[in-house]
C-alpha atoms as a PDB file:
ATOM      1  CA  UNK A   1     -40.645 -73.013 117.592  1.00  0.00           C
ATOM      2  CA  UNK A   2     -39.731 -75.871 115.222  1.00  0.00           C
ATOM      3  CA  UNK A   3     -39.293 -73.207 112.378  1.00  0.00           C
ATOM      4  CA  UNK A   4     -36.725 -71.396 114.803  1.00  0.00           C
ATOM      5  CA  UNK A   5     -34.635 -74.169 115.916  1.00  0.00           C
ATOM      6  CA  UNK A   6     -34.268 -75.531 112.249  1.00  0.00           C
ATOM      7  CA  UNK A   7     -32.947 -71.393 111.059  1.00  0.00           C
ATOM      8  CA  UNK A   8     -30.714 -72.157 114.048  1.00  0.00           C
ATOM      9  CA  UNK A   9     -29.173 -75.611 113.209  1.00  0.00           C
ATOM     10  CA  UNK A  10     -28.919 -74.488 109.481  1.00  0.00           C
ATOM     11  CA  UNK A  11     -27.627 -71.490 110.045  1.00  0.00           C
ATOM     12  CA  UNK A  12     -24.679 -72.854 112.642  1.00  0.00           C
ATOM     13  CA  UNK A  13     -24.373 -75.634 109.691  1.00  0.00           C
ATOM     14  CA  UNK A  14     -23.347 -72.926 106.958  1.00  0.00           C
ATOM     15  CA  UNK A  15     -21.179 -70.955 109.273  1.00  0.00           C
ATOM     16  CA  UNK A  16     -18.944 -73.578 110.971  1.00  0.00           C
ATOM     17  CA  UNK A  17     -18.463 -74.306 107.137  1.00  0.00           C
ATOM     18  CA  UNK A  18     -17.340 -71.225 106.347  1.00  0.00           C
ATOM     19  CA  UNK A  19     -14.714 -71.256 109.373  1.00  0.00           C
ATOM     20  CA  UNK A  20     -13.616 -74.581 107.815  1.00  0.00           C
ATOM     21  CA  UNK A  21     -13.103 -73.291 104.638  1.00  0.00           C
ATOM     22  CA  UNK A  22     -11.647 -69.614 105.521  1.00  0.00           C
ATOM     23  CA  UNK A  23      -8.379 -72.212 108.115  1.00  0.00           C
ATOM     24  CA  UNK A  24      -7.947 -75.102 104.836  1.00  0.00           C
ATOM     25  CA  UNK A  25      -7.522 -71.503 102.843  1.00  0.00           C
ATOM     26  CA  UNK A  26      -5.659 -69.856 104.984  1.00  0.00           C
ATOM     27  CA  UNK A  27      -3.226 -72.770 105.479  1.00  0.00           C
ATOM     28  CA  UNK A  28      -3.169 -73.191 102.392  1.00  0.00           C
ATOM     29  CA  UNK A  29      -1.701 -69.601 101.321  1.00  0.00           C
ATOM     30  CA  UNK A  30       2.095 -69.948 103.250  1.00  0.00           C
ATOM     31  CA  UNK A  31       2.902 -73.111 101.271  1.00  0.00           C
ATOM     32  CA  UNK A  32       1.791 -71.822  98.213  1.00  0.00           C
ATOM     33  CA  UNK A  33       3.805 -68.419  98.888  1.00  0.00           C
ATOM     34  CA  UNK A  34       6.518 -71.209 100.122  1.00  0.00           C
ATOM     35  CA  UNK A  35       6.650 -72.808  97.120  1.00  0.00           C
ATOM     36  CA  UNK A  36       7.215 -69.919  94.821  1.00  0.00           C
ATOM     37  CA  UNK A  37       9.864 -68.480  96.669  1.00  0.00           C
ATOM     38  CA  UNK A  38      11.172 -71.467  96.626  1.00  0.00           C
ATOM     39  CA  UNK A  39      10.694 -71.817  92.593  1.00  0.00           C
ATOM     40  CA  UNK A  40      12.696 -68.532  92.040  1.00  0.00           C
ATOM     41  CA  UNK A  41      15.252 -69.469  94.781  1.00  0.00           C
ATOM     42  CA  UNK A  42      16.085 -72.323  92.819  1.00  0.00           C
ATOM     43  CA  UNK A  43      15.895 -70.179  89.065  1.00  0.00           C
ATOM     44  CA  UNK A  44      18.411 -67.810  90.797  1.00  0.00           C
ATOM     45  CA  UNK A  45      20.401 -71.411  91.801  1.00  0.00           C
ATOM     46  CA  UNK A  46      20.248 -72.243  88.586  1.00  0.00           C
ATOM     47  CA  UNK A  47      21.677 -69.773  86.559  1.00  0.00           C
ATOM     48  CA  UNK A  48      23.712 -68.375  88.278  1.00  0.00           C
ATOM     49  CA  UNK A  49      25.645 -72.124  88.675  1.00  0.00           C
ATOM     50  CA  UNK A  50      25.071 -72.698  85.411  1.00  0.00           C
ATOM     51  CA  UNK A  51      26.840 -69.363  84.445  1.00  0.00           C
ATOM     52  CA  UNK A  52      29.947 -70.185  86.713  1.00  0.00           C
ATOM     53  CA  UNK A  53      30.157 -73.992  85.074  1.00  0.00           C
ATOM     54  CA  UNK A  54      30.985 -71.566  81.524  1.00  0.00           C
ATOM     55  CA  UNK A  55      32.946 -69.539  82.651  1.00  0.00           C
ATOM     56  CA  UNK A  56      35.063 -72.143  84.442  1.00  0.00           C
ATOM     57  CA  UNK A  57      35.083 -74.517  80.994  1.00  0.00           C
ATOM     58  CA  UNK A  58      35.873 -71.716  79.054  1.00  0.00           C
ATOM     59  CA  UNK A  59      39.136 -71.099  81.138  1.00  0.00           C
ATOM     60  CA  UNK A  60      39.465 -74.287  81.304  1.00  0.00           C
ATOM     61  CA  UNK A  61      39.647 -74.317  77.982  1.00  0.00           C
ATOM     62  CA  UNK A  62      42.155 -71.763  77.425  1.00  0.00           C
ATOM     63  CA  UNK A  63      44.939 -72.908  79.370  1.00  0.00           C
ATOM     64  CA  UNK A  64      44.418 -75.868  77.049  1.00  0.00           C
ATOM     65  CA  UNK A  65      45.018 -73.702  73.901  1.00  0.00           C
ATOM     66  CA  UNK A  66      47.787 -71.621  75.897  1.00  0.00           C
ATOM     67  CA  UNK A  67      49.668 -75.383  76.989  1.00  0.00           C
ATOM     68  CA  UNK A  68      49.613 -75.750  73.111  1.00  0.00           C
ATOM     69  CA  UNK A  69      50.908 -71.848  72.497  1.00  0.00           C
ATOM     70  CA  UNK A  70      54.488 -72.604  74.490  1.00  0.00           C
ATOM     71  CA  UNK A  71      54.937 -76.185  73.059  1.00  0.00           C
ATOM     72  CA  UNK A  72      54.899 -74.451  69.486  1.00  0.00           C
ATOM     73  CA  UNK A  73      57.124 -72.024  70.930  1.00  0.00           C
ATOM     74  CA  UNK A  74      59.872 -74.449  72.511  1.00  0.00           C
ATOM     75  CA  UNK A  75      59.170 -76.159  69.468  1.00  0.00           C
ATOM     76  CA  UNK A  76      60.171 -73.265  67.639  1.00  0.00           C
ATOM     77  CA  UNK A  77      63.293 -72.213  69.276  1.00  0.00           C
ATOM     78  CA  UNK A  78      64.996 -75.752  69.555  1.00  0.00           C
ATOM     79  CA  UNK A  79      63.827 -76.019  65.859  1.00  0.00           C
ATOM     80  CA  UNK A  80      65.979 -72.609  65.062  1.00  0.00           C
ATOM     81  CA  UNK A  81      68.783 -72.973  67.899  1.00  0.00           C
ATOM     82  CA  UNK A  82      69.772 -76.253  66.082  1.00  0.00           C
ATOM     83  CA  UNK A  83      69.912 -74.862  62.360  1.00  0.00           C
ATOM     84  CA  UNK A  84      71.552 -72.488  63.424  1.00  0.00           C
ATOM     85  CA  UNK A  85      74.289 -74.054  64.762  1.00  0.00           C
ATOM     86  CA  UNK A  86      73.781 -77.390  62.716  1.00  0.00           C
ATOM     87  CA  UNK A  87      77.999 -76.813  60.736  1.00  0.00           C
ATOM     88  CA  UNK A  88      79.206 -76.592  64.676  1.00  0.00           C
ATOM     89  CA  UNK A  89      82.159 -78.813  65.086  1.00  0.00           C
ATOM     90  CA  UNK A  90      81.544 -82.125  68.283  1.00  0.00           C
ATOM     91  CA  UNK A  91      78.277 -82.636  69.306  1.00  0.00           C
ATOM     92  CA  UNK A  92      78.379 -81.718  72.710  1.00  0.00           C
ATOM     93  CA  UNK A  93      75.721 -78.828  72.278  1.00  0.00           C
ATOM     94  CA  UNK A  94      73.575 -80.727  70.552  1.00  0.00           C
ATOM     95  CA  UNK A  95      73.126 -83.015  73.781  1.00  0.00           C
ATOM     96  CA  UNK A  96      72.864 -79.863  76.455  1.00  0.00           C
ATOM     97  CA  UNK A  97      70.037 -78.046  73.744  1.00  0.00           C
ATOM     98  CA  UNK A  98      67.935 -81.131  73.299  1.00  0.00           C
ATOM     99  CA  UNK A  99      68.269 -81.610  77.589  1.00  0.00           C
ATOM    100  CA  UNK A 100      67.095 -77.824  77.173  1.00  0.00           C
ATOM    101  CA  UNK A 101      64.164 -78.472  75.708  1.00  0.00           C
ATOM    102  CA  UNK A 102      63.225 -81.338  77.074  1.00  0.00           C
ATOM    103  CA  UNK A 103      63.799 -79.625  80.428  1.00  0.00           C
ATOM    104  CA  UNK A 104      61.300 -76.534  78.603  1.00  0.00           C
ATOM    105  CA  UNK A 105      58.811 -78.982  77.327  1.00  0.00           C
ATOM    106  CA  UNK A 106      58.357 -81.006  80.524  1.00  0.00           C
ATOM    107  CA  UNK A 107      57.799 -77.719  82.817  1.00  0.00           C
ATOM    108  CA  UNK A 108      55.497 -76.312  80.563  1.00  0.00           C
ATOM    109  CA  UNK A 109      53.529 -80.175  81.159  1.00  0.00           C
ATOM    110  CA  UNK A 110      53.805 -79.755  85.007  1.00  0.00           C
ATOM    111  CA  UNK A 111      52.953 -75.973  84.568  1.00  0.00           C
ATOM    112  CA  UNK A 112      49.643 -78.217  82.766  1.00  0.00           C
ATOM    113  CA  UNK A 113      49.533 -80.911  85.478  1.00  0.00           C
ATOM    114  CA  UNK A 114      48.996 -78.173  88.197  1.00  0.00           C
ATOM    115  CA  UNK A 115      46.521 -75.667  86.614  1.00  0.00           C
ATOM    116  CA  UNK A 116      44.459 -78.618  86.466  1.00  0.00           C
ATOM    117  CA  UNK A 117      45.356 -80.098  89.821  1.00  0.00           C
ATOM    118  CA  UNK A 118      44.066 -76.352  90.908  1.00  0.00           C
ATOM    119  CA  UNK A 119      41.384 -76.771  89.090  1.00  0.00           C
ATOM    120  CA  UNK A 120      40.186 -79.908  90.420  1.00  0.00           C
ATOM    121  CA  UNK A 121      40.561 -79.000  93.995  1.00  0.00           C
ATOM    122  CA  UNK A 122      38.834 -75.072  92.970  1.00  0.00           C
ATOM    123  CA  UNK A 123      35.699 -77.114  92.270  1.00  0.00           C
ATOM    124  CA  UNK A 124      35.615 -79.431  94.928  1.00  0.00           C
ATOM    125  CA  UNK A 125      35.861 -76.250  97.139  1.00  0.00           C
ATOM    126  CA  UNK A 126      33.039 -74.239  95.530  1.00  0.00           C
ATOM    127  CA  UNK A 127      30.807 -77.178  95.314  1.00  0.00           C
ATOM    128  CA  UNK A 128      31.065 -78.052  99.200  1.00  0.00           C
ATOM    129  CA  UNK A 129      30.503 -73.972  99.848  1.00  0.00           C
ATOM    130  CA  UNK A 130      27.413 -74.662  97.800  1.00  0.00           C
ATOM    131  CA  UNK A 131      26.254 -77.527  99.256  1.00  0.00           C
ATOM    132  CA  UNK A 132      26.797 -76.183 103.110  1.00  0.00           C
ATOM    133  CA  UNK A 133      24.759 -72.825 102.181  1.00  0.00           C
ATOM    134  CA  UNK A 134      21.611 -75.598 100.690  1.00  0.00           C
ATOM    135  CA  UNK A 135      21.615 -77.397 103.574  1.00  0.00           C
ATOM    136  CA  UNK A 136      20.455 -74.427 105.553  1.00  0.00           C
ATOM    137  CA  UNK A 137      17.106 -73.597 105.929  1.00  0.00           C
ATOM    138  CA  UNK A 138      15.816 -70.537 104.621  1.00  0.00           C
ATOM    139  CA  UNK A 139      13.387 -67.924 106.347  1.00  0.00           C
ATOM    140  CA  UNK A 140      10.106 -68.498 104.135  1.00  0.00           C
ATOM    141  CA  UNK A 141      10.862 -72.351 104.564  1.00  0.00           C
ATOM    142  CA  UNK A 142       8.908 -74.842 106.946  1.00  0.00           C
ATOM    143  CA  UNK A 143      10.179 -77.707 107.828  1.00  0.00           C
ATOM    144  CA  UNK A 144       9.484 -80.112 106.100  1.00  0.00           C
ATOM    145  CA  UNK A 145       9.868 -78.072 103.197  1.00  0.00           C
ATOM    146  CA  UNK A 146      13.804 -77.649 104.202  1.00  0.00           C
ATOM    147  CA  UNK A 147      13.862 -81.743 104.774  1.00  0.00           C
ATOM    148  CA  UNK A 148      12.998 -82.502 101.591  1.00  0.00           C
ATOM    149  CA  UNK A 149      15.060 -80.095  99.656  1.00  0.00           C
ATOM    150  CA  UNK A 150      17.503 -81.347 101.909  1.00  0.00           C
ATOM    151  CA  UNK A 151      17.663 -84.638 100.916  1.00  0.00           C
ATOM    152  CA  UNK A 152      17.183 -83.521  97.433  1.00  0.00           C
ATOM    153  CA  UNK A 153      20.320 -81.085  97.701  1.00  0.00           C
ATOM    154  CA  UNK A 154      22.211 -84.421  99.070  1.00  0.00           C
ATOM    155  CA  UNK A 155      21.731 -86.550  96.309  1.00  0.00           C
ATOM    156  CA  UNK A 156      22.297 -83.236  93.819  1.00  0.00           C
ATOM    157  CA  UNK A 157      25.839 -83.036  95.982  1.00  0.00           C
ATOM    158  CA  UNK A 158      26.629 -86.443  95.918  1.00  0.00           C
ATOM    159  CA  UNK A 159      26.446 -86.860  91.643  1.00  0.00           C
ATOM    160  CA  UNK A 160      28.472 -83.557  91.332  1.00  0.00           C
ATOM    161  CA  UNK A 161      31.374 -84.596  93.882  1.00  0.00           C
ATOM    162  CA  UNK A 162      31.487 -87.964  91.637  1.00  0.00           C
ATOM    163  CA  UNK A 163      30.880 -86.376  88.447  1.00  0.00           C
ATOM    164  CA  UNK A 164      34.375 -84.244  89.818  1.00  0.00           C
ATOM    165  CA  UNK A 165      35.742 -86.729  90.538  1.00  0.00           C
ATOM    166  CA  UNK A 166      35.839 -88.923  87.866  1.00  0.00           C
ATOM    167  CA  UNK A 167      36.442 -86.276  85.477  1.00  0.00           C
ATOM    168  CA  UNK A 168      40.275 -85.968  87.038  1.00  0.00           C
ATOM    169  CA  UNK A 169      40.495 -89.472  86.991  1.00  0.00           C
ATOM    170  CA  UNK A 170      40.038 -89.307  83.378  1.00  0.00           C
ATOM    171  CA  UNK A 171      42.238 -86.598  82.966  1.00  0.00           C
ATOM    172  CA  UNK A 172      45.151 -88.271  84.824  1.00  0.00           C
ATOM    173  CA  UNK A 173      44.720 -91.030  82.796  1.00  0.00           C
ATOM    174  CA  UNK A 174      44.883 -89.011  79.989  1.00  0.00           C
ATOM    175  CA  UNK A 175      48.517 -87.683  81.422  1.00  0.00           C
ATOM    176  CA  UNK A 176      49.368 -90.844  82.227  1.00  0.00           C
ATOM    177  CA  UNK A 177      49.100 -91.813  78.363  1.00  0.00           C
ATOM    178  CA  UNK A 178      50.603 -88.823  76.827  1.00  0.00           C
ATOM    179  CA  UNK A 179      53.760 -88.892  79.311  1.00  0.00           C
ATOM    180  CA  UNK A 180      54.310 -92.570  78.132  1.00  0.00           C
ATOM    181  CA  UNK A 181      53.554 -91.626  74.428  1.00  0.00           C
ATOM    182  CA  UNK A 182      56.219 -88.583  74.581  1.00  0.00           C
ATOM    183  CA  UNK A 183      58.782 -90.384  76.238  1.00  0.00           C
ATOM    184  CA  UNK A 184      58.726 -93.060  73.613  1.00  0.00           C
ATOM    185  CA  UNK A 185      59.268 -90.239  71.095  1.00  0.00           C
ATOM    186  CA  UNK A 186      61.595 -89.261  72.998  1.00  0.00           C
ATOM    187  CA  UNK A 187      64.090 -91.935  73.406  1.00  0.00           C
ATOM    188  CA  UNK A 188      63.504 -92.459  69.398  1.00  0.00           C
ATOM    189  CA  UNK A 189      64.362 -89.131  68.901  1.00  0.00           C
ATOM    190  CA  UNK A 190      67.926 -89.644  70.572  1.00  0.00           C
ATOM    191  CA  UNK A 191      68.564 -92.664  68.898  1.00  0.00           C
ATOM    192  CA  UNK A 192      68.396 -91.092  65.893  1.00  0.00           C
ATOM    193  CA  UNK A 193      70.108 -87.962  66.268  1.00  0.00           C
ATOM    194  CA  UNK A 194      73.161 -89.924  66.686  1.00  0.00           C
ATOM    195  CA  UNK A 195      75.712 -90.107  64.685  1.00  0.00           C
ATOM    196  CA  UNK A 196      76.331 -93.705  62.898  1.00  0.00           C
ATOM    197  CA  UNK A 197      79.331 -95.233  62.705  1.00  0.00           C
ATOM    198  CA  UNK A 198      79.897 -95.053  58.621  1.00  0.00           C
ATOM    199  CA  UNK A 199      77.800 -92.016  58.257  1.00  0.00           C
ATOM    200  CA  UNK A 200      79.735 -88.785  56.818  1.00  0.00           C
ATOM    201  CA  UNK A 201      79.819 -85.466  58.547  1.00  0.00           C
ATOM    202  CA  UNK A 202      77.427 -84.026  55.988  1.00  0.00           C
ATOM    203  CA  UNK A 203      75.228 -87.286  55.867  1.00  0.00           C
ATOM    204  CA  UNK A 204      74.498 -86.936  59.666  1.00  0.00           C
ATOM    205  CA  UNK A 205      73.527 -83.787  59.587  1.00  0.00           C
ATOM    206  CA  UNK A 206      71.102 -84.052  56.934  1.00  0.00           C
ATOM    207  CA  UNK A 207      69.632 -86.805  58.249  1.00  0.00           C
ATOM    208  CA  UNK A 208      69.554 -85.243  62.023  1.00  0.00           C
ATOM    209  CA  UNK A 209      67.418 -82.009  59.838  1.00  0.00           C
ATOM    210  CA  UNK A 210      65.006 -84.376  58.564  1.00  0.00           C
ATOM    211  CA  UNK A 211      65.020 -85.861  61.768  1.00  0.00           C
ATOM    212  CA  UNK A 212      64.632 -83.281  63.966  1.00  0.00           C
ATOM    213  CA  UNK A 213      61.450 -82.057  61.269  1.00  0.00           C
ATOM    214  CA  UNK A 214      59.566 -85.518  62.489  1.00  0.00           C
ATOM    215  CA  UNK A 215      59.884 -84.939  65.990  1.00  0.00           C
ATOM    216  CA  UNK A 216      58.710 -81.845  66.342  1.00  0.00           C
ATOM    217  CA  UNK A 217      55.926 -82.972  63.776  1.00  0.00           C
ATOM    218  CA  UNK A 218      55.604 -85.806  66.141  1.00  0.00           C
ATOM    219  CA  UNK A 219      55.869 -84.052  69.251  1.00  0.00           C
ATOM    220  CA  UNK A 220      52.707 -81.310  67.982  1.00  0.00           C
ATOM    221  CA  UNK A 221      50.759 -84.147  67.405  1.00  0.00           C
ATOM    222  CA  UNK A 222      51.070 -85.915  70.846  1.00  0.00           C
ATOM    223  CA  UNK A 223      50.083 -82.728  72.577  1.00  0.00           C
ATOM    224  CA  UNK A 224      47.372 -81.975  70.075  1.00  0.00           C
ATOM    225  CA  UNK A 225      46.346 -85.081  70.535  1.00  0.00           C
ATOM    226  CA  UNK A 226      45.303 -84.548  74.460  1.00  0.00           C
ATOM    227  CA  UNK A 227      44.326 -80.877  74.158  1.00  0.00           C
ATOM    228  CA  UNK A 228      41.888 -81.691  71.048  1.00  0.00           C
ATOM    229  CA  UNK A 229      40.245 -84.821  73.580  1.00  0.00           C
ATOM    230  CA  UNK A 230      39.989 -82.416  76.758  1.00  0.00           C
ATOM    231  CA  UNK A 231      38.122 -79.711  74.776  1.00  0.00           C
ATOM    232  CA  UNK A 232      36.087 -82.437  73.513  1.00  0.00           C
ATOM    233  CA  UNK A 233      34.787 -83.966  76.365  1.00  0.00           C
ATOM    234  CA  UNK A 234      34.629 -80.095  78.171  1.00  0.00           C
ATOM    235  CA  UNK A 235      32.082 -79.120  75.242  1.00  0.00           C
ATOM    236  CA  UNK A 236      30.268 -82.416  75.168  1.00  0.00           C
ATOM    237  CA  UNK A 237      29.467 -82.014  78.917  1.00  0.00           C
ATOM    238  CA  UNK A 238      27.663 -78.288  78.133  1.00  0.00           C
END
């Protein structure tokens, strides 16, 4: 009788242990699946975000190069126009041509500013859309996993928004510095292009030609510095 009781007790303990072990396995299995699903989802998102960021950077650099090309073409047009008419009498046409040149450069510059503001707004919109999607619960997620991921996502989103805004602030600071350098150079050029009191017509035209060459180089340098800084910053960000 005692032997039978002992066997019953032993088998009961073994059965209990097996049931407990099986329950542990069953409970752990979905979590493992959740983690694998989460990892696969995160990898896909990471690759997609990285590709999108690279594409945005390429488009941004292309706009910088387009700005540089527009400036160069306008300077070449202005030089040809000034040379073609340099021996015409009077200076009214020169003043009108310089005003036209400055308007064209300003239009090109404002186009660049609008493009960068549009790019900034688009980045913000895409990031906010991504954040909204990521904050939703996924089909395979438990509440605990969802809450933990939401916390990470909020931290990531805050960092990304801060980086986007800081980048735009840096760009605006460069734009202000560019504006100031361009204004000073144009003021200087305007003064130098005027005829001096004791200057002959020939001397004036010769000096104008030298000044125009110097001014063109300076304008290109100002544009090149801005573009070089922007593209360098973009490359470092990658």
